[in-house]
Protein backbone atom coordinates (compact mmCIF):
# COMPACT_ATOMS: atom_id res chain seq x y z
CA MET A 1 47.05 -15.33 -0.49
CA LYS A 2 46.83 -16.36 3.15
CA ASN A 3 44.95 -19.53 3.78
CA PRO A 4 41.51 -19.16 5.45
CA PRO A 5 40.85 -21.42 8.43
CA VAL A 6 39.31 -24.76 7.65
CA ASN A 7 35.50 -24.86 7.30
CA ALA A 8 35.42 -21.07 7.24
CA ILE A 9 33.32 -20.95 4.10
CA GLY A 10 29.55 -20.57 4.75
CA PRO A 11 26.52 -19.86 2.59
CA ARG A 12 26.85 -16.88 0.35
CA ALA A 13 24.99 -13.87 1.65
CA GLY A 14 24.73 -12.31 -1.81
CA ARG A 15 21.17 -13.50 -2.32
CA SER A 16 19.94 -13.34 1.25
CA TRP A 17 18.09 -10.14 0.38
CA ILE A 18 15.99 -11.71 -2.38
CA THR A 19 13.38 -13.35 -0.13
CA PRO A 20 12.79 -10.25 2.09
CA LEU A 21 12.66 -8.08 -1.02
CA LEU A 22 10.15 -10.45 -2.59
CA ALA A 23 8.08 -10.41 0.61
CA VAL A 24 8.13 -6.60 0.70
CA GLY A 25 7.15 -6.48 -2.96
CA LEU A 26 4.32 -8.92 -2.26
CA LEU A 27 3.08 -6.80 0.65
CA LEU A 28 3.15 -3.69 -1.52
CA LEU A 29 1.28 -5.48 -4.30
CA LEU A 30 -1.34 -6.82 -1.89
CA GLY A 31 -1.64 -3.36 -0.35
CA VAL A 32 -2.23 -1.87 -3.80
CA LEU A 33 -4.84 -4.55 -4.57
CA ALA A 34 -6.62 -4.04 -1.23
CA THR A 35 -6.56 -0.28 -1.71
CA GLY A 36 -7.94 -0.75 -5.22
CA ILE A 37 -10.79 -2.91 -3.92
CA VAL A 38 -11.62 -0.40 -1.18
CA LEU A 39 -11.51 2.52 -3.62
CA THR A 40 -13.60 0.65 -6.19
CA GLN A 41 -16.24 -0.22 -3.62
CA GLN A 42 -16.19 3.35 -2.32
CA GLN A 43 -16.58 4.66 -5.87
CA ALA A 44 -19.54 2.31 -6.39
CA LYS A 45 -21.08 3.57 -3.16
CA ASP A 46 -20.46 7.19 -4.17
CA HIS A 47 -22.07 6.47 -7.55
CA VAL A 48 -25.18 5.09 -5.85
CA LYS A 49 -25.36 8.15 -3.60
CA SER A 50 -24.84 10.45 -6.58
CA SER A 51 -27.68 8.73 -8.45
CA PHE A 52 -29.81 9.04 -5.32
CA ALA A 53 -29.11 12.78 -5.16
CA LEU A 54 -29.95 13.15 -8.87
CA ARG A 55 -33.25 11.38 -8.23
CA GLY A 56 -34.06 13.99 -5.56
CA GLU A 57 -33.12 16.87 -7.87
CA SER A 58 -35.18 15.54 -10.78
CA SER A 59 -38.17 14.96 -8.50
CA ALA A 60 -37.88 18.52 -7.15
CA GLN A 61 -37.73 19.78 -10.72
CA PHE A 62 -40.86 17.77 -11.53
CA VAL A 63 -42.73 19.42 -8.63
CA SER A 64 -41.54 22.81 -9.86
CA THR A 65 -42.83 22.01 -13.34
CA TYR A 66 -46.22 21.04 -11.92
CA LEU A 67 -46.43 24.32 -9.96
CA SER A 68 -45.37 26.33 -13.02
CA GLU A 69 -48.09 24.69 -15.10
CA GLN A 70 -50.67 25.42 -12.39
CA ALA A 71 -49.51 29.06 -12.29
CA SER A 72 -49.79 29.25 -16.09
CA ARG A 73 -53.38 27.99 -15.94
CA GLU A 74 -54.17 30.63 -13.33
CA ARG A 75 -52.60 33.40 -15.42
CA ASP A 76 -54.45 32.32 -18.58
CA ALA A 77 -57.77 32.16 -16.76
CA ALA A 78 -57.21 35.54 -15.11
CA GLN A 79 -56.13 37.17 -18.36
CA ARG A 80 -59.20 35.86 -20.23
CA PHE A 81 -61.94 36.29 -17.67
CA LEU A 82 -60.74 38.81 -15.06
CA SER A 83 -59.33 41.61 -17.22
CA PRO A 84 -62.48 43.88 -17.31
CA ALA A 85 -62.59 46.77 -14.90
CA ARG A 86 -65.55 45.26 -13.11
CA VAL A 87 -65.81 41.50 -12.50
CA SER A 88 -68.98 40.09 -11.02
CA PRO A 89 -68.72 37.84 -7.95
CA THR A 90 -70.40 35.09 -9.94
CA ARG A 91 -67.79 35.20 -12.70
CA PHE A 92 -64.98 35.28 -10.19
CA GLY A 93 -66.48 32.30 -8.35
CA ILE A 94 -66.68 30.34 -11.63
CA VAL A 95 -63.03 31.11 -12.42
CA ALA A 96 -61.90 30.02 -8.92
CA ALA A 97 -63.91 26.80 -9.18
CA SER A 98 -62.43 26.03 -12.61
CA LEU A 99 -58.94 26.11 -11.12
CA GLY A 100 -59.82 23.48 -8.51
CA SER A 101 -58.88 25.83 -5.69
CA ALA A 102 -60.32 25.91 -2.20
CA GLY A 103 -60.58 29.68 -2.40
CA ALA A 104 -59.31 32.64 -4.38
CA LEU A 105 -58.57 36.34 -4.00
CA LEU A 106 -58.51 39.09 -6.59
CA LEU A 107 -56.23 41.99 -5.60
CA ASP A 108 -55.11 45.22 -7.14
CA GLY A 109 -51.47 46.18 -7.66
CA SER A 110 -51.14 47.50 -4.11
CA GLY A 111 -52.34 44.24 -2.55
CA ARG A 112 -55.86 45.34 -1.62
CA VAL A 113 -58.64 42.77 -1.96
CA LEU A 114 -61.07 43.42 -4.81
CA ASP A 115 -63.03 40.17 -4.56
CA ALA A 116 -63.00 36.78 -2.81
CA ALA A 117 -64.45 33.36 -3.58
CA PRO A 118 -66.25 32.09 -1.63
CA LEU A 119 -67.59 35.56 -1.07
CA ARG A 120 -66.17 37.32 2.01
CA PRO A 121 -67.40 40.94 2.13
CA SER A 122 -65.29 41.53 5.23
CA LEU A 123 -62.12 41.11 3.17
CA HIS A 124 -62.97 43.75 0.55
CA GLY A 125 -60.52 46.65 0.62
CA LYS A 126 -58.13 44.96 3.02
CA ARG A 127 -54.43 45.04 2.25
CA LEU A 128 -53.15 41.48 2.80
CA SER A 129 -49.69 41.72 1.22
CA PRO A 130 -47.75 42.09 4.51
CA ALA A 131 -49.26 38.85 5.87
CA TYR A 132 -48.68 36.59 2.86
CA SER A 133 -45.30 36.35 1.14
CA GLN A 134 -46.71 35.23 -2.23
CA LEU A 135 -48.68 38.47 -2.70
CA PRO A 136 -45.75 40.97 -2.70
CA GLU A 137 -43.89 38.60 -5.04
CA ALA A 138 -46.82 38.64 -7.49
CA ALA A 139 -47.15 42.41 -7.17
CA ARG A 140 -43.54 42.66 -8.40
CA GLY A 141 -44.52 40.77 -11.55
CA ARG A 142 -43.35 37.26 -10.57
CA VAL A 143 -45.25 34.11 -9.63
CA GLY A 144 -45.48 33.81 -5.85
CA ILE A 145 -45.85 30.43 -4.13
CA SER A 146 -46.39 30.27 -0.39
CA GLY A 147 -45.60 27.60 2.12
CA ILE A 148 -48.21 26.21 4.50
CA VAL A 149 -50.35 29.20 5.50
CA THR A 150 -53.80 29.77 6.98
CA SER A 151 -56.23 30.82 4.28
CA PRO A 152 -57.80 34.28 4.92
CA ILE A 153 -60.91 32.98 3.16
CA THR A 154 -61.54 29.54 4.70
CA GLY A 155 -59.15 29.52 7.66
CA ALA A 156 -57.75 26.12 6.54
CA ALA A 157 -54.11 25.20 6.07
CA VAL A 158 -53.35 25.79 2.42
CA THR A 159 -50.64 26.62 -0.06
CA ALA A 160 -51.27 29.56 -2.36
CA ILE A 161 -50.15 30.38 -5.88
CA ALA A 162 -50.36 34.07 -6.80
CA VAL A 163 -49.93 35.28 -10.38
CA PRO A 164 -49.89 38.84 -11.76
CA PHE A 165 -51.79 39.80 -14.93
CA ARG A 166 -52.33 43.08 -16.79
CA THR A 167 -55.63 44.88 -17.16
CA ALA A 168 -56.81 48.28 -18.32
CA GLU A 169 -56.85 49.29 -14.66
CA GLY A 170 -53.20 48.25 -14.19
CA THR A 171 -51.59 45.12 -12.71
CA ARG A 172 -53.86 42.82 -10.74
CA VAL A 173 -53.09 39.62 -8.78
CA LEU A 174 -55.00 36.35 -8.67
CA SER A 175 -54.14 34.22 -5.60
CA ALA A 176 -55.60 30.70 -5.44
CA ASP A 177 -55.55 28.51 -2.33
CA TYR A 178 -54.96 24.74 -2.54
CA PRO A 179 -55.32 22.18 0.26
CA ALA A 180 -52.01 21.45 2.03
CA SER A 181 -52.32 17.74 1.26
CA GLY A 182 -53.72 18.05 -2.21
CA LEU A 183 -54.22 14.92 -4.22
CA ALA A 184 -51.91 16.10 -7.03
CA LEU A 185 -48.88 16.78 -4.77
CA ASP A 186 -49.48 13.55 -2.85
CA ALA A 187 -49.42 11.67 -6.14
CA LEU A 188 -46.16 13.37 -7.08
CA VAL A 189 -44.32 12.38 -3.90
CA ASP A 190 -45.81 8.86 -4.07
CA HIS A 191 -44.06 8.32 -7.39
CA THR A 192 -40.80 9.99 -6.48
CA ILE A 193 -38.96 6.75 -5.66
CA SER A 194 -39.69 3.07 -6.18
CA TYR A 195 -38.16 1.56 -3.03
CA ALA A 196 -40.66 -0.31 -0.85
CA GLN A 197 -39.17 1.31 2.26
CA HIS A 198 -38.85 5.05 1.86
CA HIS A 199 -39.90 8.44 3.15
CA VAL A 200 -40.51 11.37 0.83
CA PHE A 201 -41.40 14.82 2.15
CA LEU A 202 -42.35 18.03 0.40
CA LEU A 203 -41.55 20.76 2.91
CA ASP A 204 -41.88 24.52 3.09
CA ALA A 205 -39.19 26.86 4.40
CA SER A 206 -40.26 26.40 8.04
CA GLY A 207 -40.30 22.60 7.87
CA HIS A 208 -44.06 22.15 7.57
CA VAL A 209 -45.04 19.08 5.57
CA ILE A 210 -46.88 19.99 2.36
CA ALA A 211 -47.10 16.40 1.15
CA ALA A 212 -45.54 13.13 2.33
CA SER A 213 -45.25 9.49 1.34
CA PRO A 214 -46.25 7.57 3.40
CA ARG A 215 -48.81 10.03 4.84
CA LEU A 216 -48.00 11.76 8.15
CA LEU A 217 -50.31 12.80 10.96
CA LYS A 218 -47.88 15.33 12.39
CA PRO A 219 -47.62 18.70 10.65
CA THR A 220 -43.84 19.20 10.77
CA LEU A 221 -40.81 17.06 9.98
CA ALA A 222 -39.21 17.87 13.35
CA GLN A 223 -42.23 16.41 15.16
CA ALA A 224 -42.39 13.29 12.99
CA PHE A 225 -38.65 12.53 12.51
CA PRO A 226 -36.49 14.76 14.70
CA ARG A 227 -33.18 13.02 13.82
CA LEU A 228 -33.83 13.35 10.09
CA ALA A 229 -34.85 16.98 10.57
CA ALA A 230 -31.61 17.71 12.45
CA ALA A 231 -29.45 15.97 9.83
CA SER A 232 -31.15 17.68 6.86
CA ALA A 233 -30.70 21.08 8.49
CA HIS A 234 -26.93 20.90 7.92
CA ALA A 235 -26.44 18.93 4.68
CA SER A 236 -28.12 18.10 1.40
CA LEU A 237 -26.89 14.48 1.33
CA GLY A 238 -25.70 12.10 4.02
CA PRO A 239 -26.53 9.58 6.73
CA VAL A 240 -29.15 9.98 9.42
CA PRO A 241 -27.21 9.76 12.72
CA GLY A 242 -28.93 7.80 15.47
CA ALA A 243 -31.63 6.37 13.23
CA ARG A 244 -33.01 3.00 14.30
CA THR A 245 -32.45 1.74 10.78
CA PRO A 246 -29.24 3.05 9.16
CA SER A 247 -30.48 5.39 6.45
CA THR A 248 -29.29 7.95 3.93
CA PHE A 249 -31.15 11.12 2.91
CA THR A 250 -30.97 13.58 0.07
CA GLN A 251 -32.80 16.87 -0.37
CA ALA A 252 -33.12 19.35 -3.19
CA PRO A 253 -34.78 22.77 -3.43
CA VAL A 254 -37.87 23.07 -5.59
CA PRO A 255 -36.95 25.74 -8.20
CA GLY A 256 -39.15 28.85 -8.09
CA THR A 257 -40.31 28.21 -4.51
CA SER A 258 -39.06 28.13 -0.94
CA TRP A 259 -39.96 24.44 -0.81
CA ARG A 260 -37.62 21.46 -0.67
CA LEU A 261 -38.04 17.80 -1.48
CA LEU A 262 -36.52 15.38 1.06
CA ILE A 263 -36.04 11.63 0.47
CA ALA A 264 -34.80 9.14 3.09
CA VAL A 265 -34.10 5.47 2.29
CA PRO A 266 -32.65 2.61 4.43
CA ASN A 267 -29.07 1.77 3.46
CA SER A 268 -30.02 -1.88 3.01
CA ARG A 269 -32.30 -0.82 0.14
CA LEU A 270 -30.21 2.00 -1.24
CA PHE A 271 -26.98 -0.04 -1.50
CA ALA A 272 -28.60 -3.39 -2.27
CA SER A 273 -26.99 -3.49 -5.73
CA ILE A 274 -23.47 -3.40 -4.26
CA ALA A 275 -24.09 -5.45 -1.12
CA GLY A 276 -24.10 -9.19 -0.38
CA TRP A 277 -21.91 -11.38 -2.62
CA THR A 278 -21.21 -8.39 -4.84
CA LEU A 279 -19.41 -6.83 -1.88
CA TYR A 280 -17.51 -9.92 -0.72
CA ILE A 281 -16.48 -11.57 -4.00
CA PRO A 282 -13.51 -9.16 -4.56
CA TRP A 283 -12.28 -9.88 -1.03
CA LEU A 284 -12.59 -13.64 -1.55
CA ILE A 285 -10.54 -13.31 -4.71
CA PHE A 286 -8.06 -11.12 -2.80
CA ALA A 287 -7.78 -13.80 -0.09
CA LEU A 288 -7.09 -16.49 -2.70
CA VAL A 289 -4.46 -14.31 -4.41
CA THR A 290 -2.88 -13.60 -1.02
CA ALA A 291 -2.75 -17.31 -0.15
CA LEU A 292 -1.21 -18.20 -3.52
CA ALA A 293 1.30 -15.36 -3.28
CA VAL A 294 2.34 -16.38 0.25
CA LEU A 295 2.72 -19.99 -0.94
CA ILE A 296 4.91 -18.84 -3.83
CA VAL A 297 7.09 -16.77 -1.47
CA VAL A 298 7.43 -19.70 0.96
CA LEU A 299 8.35 -22.11 -1.85
CA PHE A 300 10.79 -19.59 -3.31
CA ALA A 301 12.35 -19.02 0.13
CA ARG A 302 12.73 -22.78 0.58
CA LEU A 303 14.29 -23.03 -2.88
CA ILE A 304 16.76 -20.26 -2.06
CA ALA A 305 17.56 -21.90 1.29
CA ASP A 306 18.06 -25.31 -0.34
CA ARG A 307 20.29 -23.82 -3.02
CA SER A 308 22.28 -21.97 -0.36
CA ARG A 309 22.71 -25.18 1.63
CA LEU A 310 23.77 -27.08 -1.48
CA ARG A 311 26.18 -24.31 -2.42
CA ALA A 312 27.60 -24.21 1.09
CA LEU A 313 27.96 -27.99 1.10
CA SER A 314 29.65 -27.94 -2.30
CA GLU A 315 32.03 -25.19 -1.22
CA ARG A 316 32.71 -26.98 2.05
CA MET A 317 33.47 -30.20 0.19
CA GLU A 318 35.69 -28.35 -2.25
CA ARG A 319 37.39 -26.61 0.63
CA THR A 320 37.87 -29.91 2.41
CA ALA A 321 39.39 -31.36 -0.74
CA GLN A 322 41.90 -28.48 -0.80
CA THR A 323 42.59 -28.12 2.92
CA ASP A 324 44.75 -30.07 5.30
CA SER A 325 42.38 -31.29 7.99
CA LEU A 326 44.89 -30.89 10.82
CA THR A 327 46.46 -27.45 10.23
CA GLY A 328 43.74 -25.78 8.15
CA LEU A 329 46.36 -24.88 5.50
CA PHE A 330 46.32 -25.74 1.81
CA ASN A 331 47.05 -29.41 1.14
CA ARG A 332 49.44 -30.66 -1.55
CA ARG A 333 46.81 -30.67 -4.30
CA ALA A 334 45.74 -27.09 -3.58
CA LEU A 335 49.35 -25.94 -3.27
CA THR A 336 50.13 -27.39 -6.70
CA GLU A 337 47.18 -25.54 -8.27
CA GLN A 338 48.01 -22.26 -6.53
CA MET A 339 51.69 -22.53 -7.39
CA THR A 340 50.88 -23.17 -11.08
CA ARG A 341 48.76 -20.01 -11.19
CA ALA A 342 51.47 -17.98 -9.41
CA ALA A 343 54.11 -19.23 -11.87
CA ALA A 344 51.90 -18.24 -14.84
CA ARG A 345 51.48 -14.74 -13.42
CA ALA A 346 55.20 -14.43 -12.81
CA ARG A 347 55.98 -15.41 -16.41
CA ARG A 348 53.33 -13.04 -17.77
CA HIS A 349 54.67 -10.05 -15.79
CA ASP A 350 58.34 -11.07 -15.96
CA GLU A 351 58.58 -11.24 -12.15
CA PRO A 352 60.68 -13.47 -9.89
CA LEU A 353 59.00 -16.33 -8.02
CA SER A 354 60.54 -18.06 -5.00
CA VAL A 355 59.71 -21.35 -3.30
CA LEU A 356 60.57 -22.40 0.27
CA MET A 357 60.59 -26.05 1.30
CA ILE A 358 60.41 -26.37 5.11
CA ASP A 359 61.08 -29.49 7.12
CA LEU A 360 60.80 -29.87 10.93
CA ASP A 361 63.95 -31.21 12.60
CA ARG A 362 63.64 -33.95 15.25
CA PHE A 363 59.92 -34.29 14.50
CA LYS A 364 60.14 -38.10 14.59
CA GLN A 365 61.70 -38.00 18.07
CA THR A 366 58.86 -35.77 19.29
CA ASN A 367 56.27 -38.18 17.89
CA ASP A 368 58.03 -41.24 19.33
CA GLY A 369 58.70 -39.66 22.71
CA PHE A 370 55.48 -37.77 23.37
CA GLY A 371 52.95 -39.35 21.02
CA HIS A 372 51.14 -38.29 17.90
CA GLU A 373 49.10 -35.64 19.74
CA ALA A 374 52.32 -33.82 20.57
CA GLY A 375 53.38 -34.05 16.92
CA ASP A 376 50.04 -32.65 15.84
CA GLN A 377 50.50 -29.78 18.29
CA VAL A 378 53.88 -28.95 16.73
CA LEU A 379 52.43 -28.98 13.20
CA CYS A 380 49.56 -26.66 14.19
CA THR A 381 51.96 -24.33 15.97
CA ILE A 382 54.11 -24.05 12.83
CA ALA A 383 50.94 -23.36 10.78
CA ASP A 384 50.15 -20.44 13.12
CA CYS A 385 53.72 -19.25 12.77
CA LEU A 386 53.40 -19.22 8.97
CA HIS A 387 50.24 -17.12 9.26
CA GLU A 388 52.04 -14.57 11.44
CA VAL A 389 55.28 -14.27 9.46
CA LEU A 390 54.24 -14.48 5.81
CA ARG A 391 52.63 -11.76 3.71
CA THR A 392 49.04 -11.56 2.62
CA GLY A 393 49.88 -12.50 -0.97
CA ASP A 394 52.09 -15.48 -0.07
CA ILE A 395 50.87 -19.03 -0.66
CA PHE A 396 51.67 -21.75 1.86
CA GLY A 397 50.47 -25.09 3.04
CA ARG A 398 51.37 -28.55 4.27
CA TRP A 399 53.25 -30.48 1.60
CA GLY A 400 53.12 -33.75 3.48
CA GLY A 401 54.24 -35.25 6.81
CA ASP A 402 56.27 -32.61 8.58
CA GLU A 403 57.04 -30.65 5.40
CA PHE A 404 55.57 -27.29 4.50
CA LEU A 405 55.78 -25.43 1.16
CA VAL A 406 55.77 -21.65 0.76
CA VAL A 407 55.37 -19.82 -2.58
CA LEU A 408 56.55 -16.19 -2.57
CA PRO A 409 55.33 -14.15 -5.59
CA LYS A 410 57.41 -11.12 -6.66
CA THR A 411 60.29 -12.28 -4.42
CA ASP A 412 63.92 -12.71 -5.54
CA ALA A 413 66.55 -15.00 -4.02
CA GLU A 414 67.63 -12.46 -1.42
CA GLY A 415 64.01 -11.95 -0.28
CA ALA A 416 63.46 -15.70 -0.12
CA LEU A 417 66.52 -16.14 2.15
CA ALA A 418 65.32 -13.30 4.38
CA THR A 419 61.87 -14.88 4.67
CA ALA A 420 63.42 -18.25 5.50
CA GLU A 421 65.48 -16.63 8.22
CA ARG A 422 62.39 -14.92 9.70
CA LEU A 423 60.59 -18.23 9.79
CA ARG A 424 63.51 -19.97 11.55
CA ARG A 425 63.77 -17.19 14.07
CA ALA A 426 60.01 -17.16 14.74
CA ALA A 427 59.98 -20.95 15.14
CA SER A 428 62.92 -20.80 17.54
CA GLU A 429 60.91 -18.49 19.80
CA ILE A 430 58.10 -21.02 20.20
CA GLU A 431 58.16 -22.61 23.64
CA LEU A 432 56.73 -26.13 23.97
CA ALA A 433 58.52 -27.27 27.12
CA GLU A 434 55.87 -29.91 27.89
CA ILE A 435 56.97 -31.89 24.82
CA GLY A 436 60.67 -31.24 25.14
CA LEU A 437 60.97 -28.18 22.88
CA ARG A 438 62.14 -25.54 25.34
CA ASP A 439 64.29 -23.81 22.71
CA GLY A 440 61.61 -23.61 20.04
CA VAL A 441 60.87 -25.79 17.06
CA PRO A 442 63.97 -26.41 14.94
CA LEU A 443 63.36 -26.46 11.22
CA SER A 444 65.33 -26.49 7.98
CA VAL A 445 64.50 -24.42 4.91
CA GLY A 446 65.49 -24.86 1.30
CA THR A 447 64.95 -22.02 -1.18
CA ALA A 448 64.73 -21.73 -4.95
CA THR A 449 64.07 -18.69 -7.17
CA GLY A 450 63.32 -18.25 -10.88
CA VAL A 451 61.64 -15.90 -13.33
CA HIS A 452 60.49 -18.18 -16.12
CA ALA A 453 61.07 -21.44 -14.30
CA ASN A 454 58.69 -24.38 -14.24
CA PRO A 455 57.02 -24.61 -10.77
CA HIS A 456 57.94 -28.29 -10.49
CA ASP A 457 61.61 -27.40 -11.17
CA LEU A 458 61.46 -24.77 -8.41
CA VAL A 459 60.08 -27.33 -5.98
CA ARG A 460 62.82 -29.80 -6.90
CA GLU A 461 65.51 -27.13 -6.47
CA ALA A 462 64.05 -26.07 -3.11
CA ASP A 463 63.96 -29.73 -2.09
CA LEU A 464 67.62 -30.16 -3.02
CA ALA A 465 68.49 -27.00 -1.10
CA LEU A 466 66.65 -28.46 1.87
CA TYR A 467 68.80 -31.61 1.63
CA GLU A 468 71.88 -29.49 1.80
CA ALA A 469 70.50 -27.54 4.77
CA LYS A 470 69.74 -30.76 6.65
CA GLY A 471 72.96 -32.49 5.55
CA VAL A 472 71.31 -35.40 3.65
CA ARG A 473 71.63 -36.60 0.04
CA PRO A 474 68.88 -37.60 -2.40
CA GLU A 475 68.72 -41.17 -3.69
CA ASN A 476 66.72 -40.52 -6.90
CA ASP A 477 65.70 -37.67 -9.19
CA ASP A 478 61.99 -37.62 -8.29
CA GLY A 479 62.32 -35.57 -5.16
CA ASP A 480 62.18 -38.56 -2.75
CA ARG A 481 65.05 -38.80 -0.33
CA THR A 482 66.54 -40.97 2.36
CA PRO A 483 67.30 -39.02 5.54
CA GLU A 484 70.81 -40.47 5.63
CA ARG A 485 73.36 -38.18 7.27
CA LEU A 486 76.46 -37.34 5.23
CA ALA A 487 79.78 -38.05 6.84
CA THR A 488 81.53 -35.09 8.28
């Protein structure tokens, strides 16, 4: 293979992706954890709101139960005491008083008044059904419950419960009036919720307040709390926009009536169980996990960087040990290792292997005449020439002094001679006039080729061939020679 330039080996980039990938993984994990915390806290908040809404529904059901029981008492009393064809005013007054009502009406099936308590002769025979919604409902056989209405008997603001009952004369209706802020309903809304700060309203269809806790002086919700009234007109559960104290409301219809129960509570009270340290502890833990994870990534990145630097230093040192510092080619040690491997491959595949031994002619004169810097320039120029002429799979380097060794895998003797000739021709075209080499760099090449030959034998044969090319003779068998010219 062609020799890479000296110091060309840097840190391996194979693991450079590990730290960014770890950082991305950490960000994803932290994102999942943060999302989990947010979702968990949101689920806890939704659970509180759901429990709050259930409290409103159960309270509305409790009010409905109370009204149903009151209607049942009315029906039982009417069935027992008001069934005869003629009922005396005294008896009717006793029945009305027993119900705890502020007034009562006895009507026939068409909605005409048969009796009133307290006694109001002016009402007898009047048809009141069109003016009071609970009366037509009772005439149809169902319990009718009004909102806040003006009593036709006392003229006060009341709520009325009308119940039908059967008599020998046909269906009759008993309608009892109860004060709008009756003690029983006030007690119900007072016990709807246990928060110290709260507002509970029992409202009719038009927004009039039937009962409230705390008590209100204004008759409608819109007059008392306009923002809450506006918010509850569009939703059954949610925040109260623009409220001085951030609050949440829930409302539920009272079954069997046109009423609704509305509860509003400050958020600080409603979400107290999931606020404070309960809210921040998961984020503190998340911050600690984040800090530890970042520390681990930083330490891991430093470890990877240190290992990369150590690997680069090791490879650089190994490269330095195998590279000639001047030319950047393989040195003698590396050439020996590479040549041994090439010879093993050649024997394994039964392929020829050739070796070229190159020596620069008149190199000593260049050094003596122009200095060692000029000699170094010549050696580097020849190294560049080897890079340009030789193949990618060829092995070459500086053998020592002004000698270069080339190993040519899969090359026979004829190919080795052709390569040697290309090298001589390329070197002869180099122009270094400033150091006296106007006609190029003269060099001599010795070649040797074998199939199953020992690499050291090939080097010795190439060295001997080089002697012959230069016209010198060896003085021993170890490859060392004396550059003594043979006589011609």
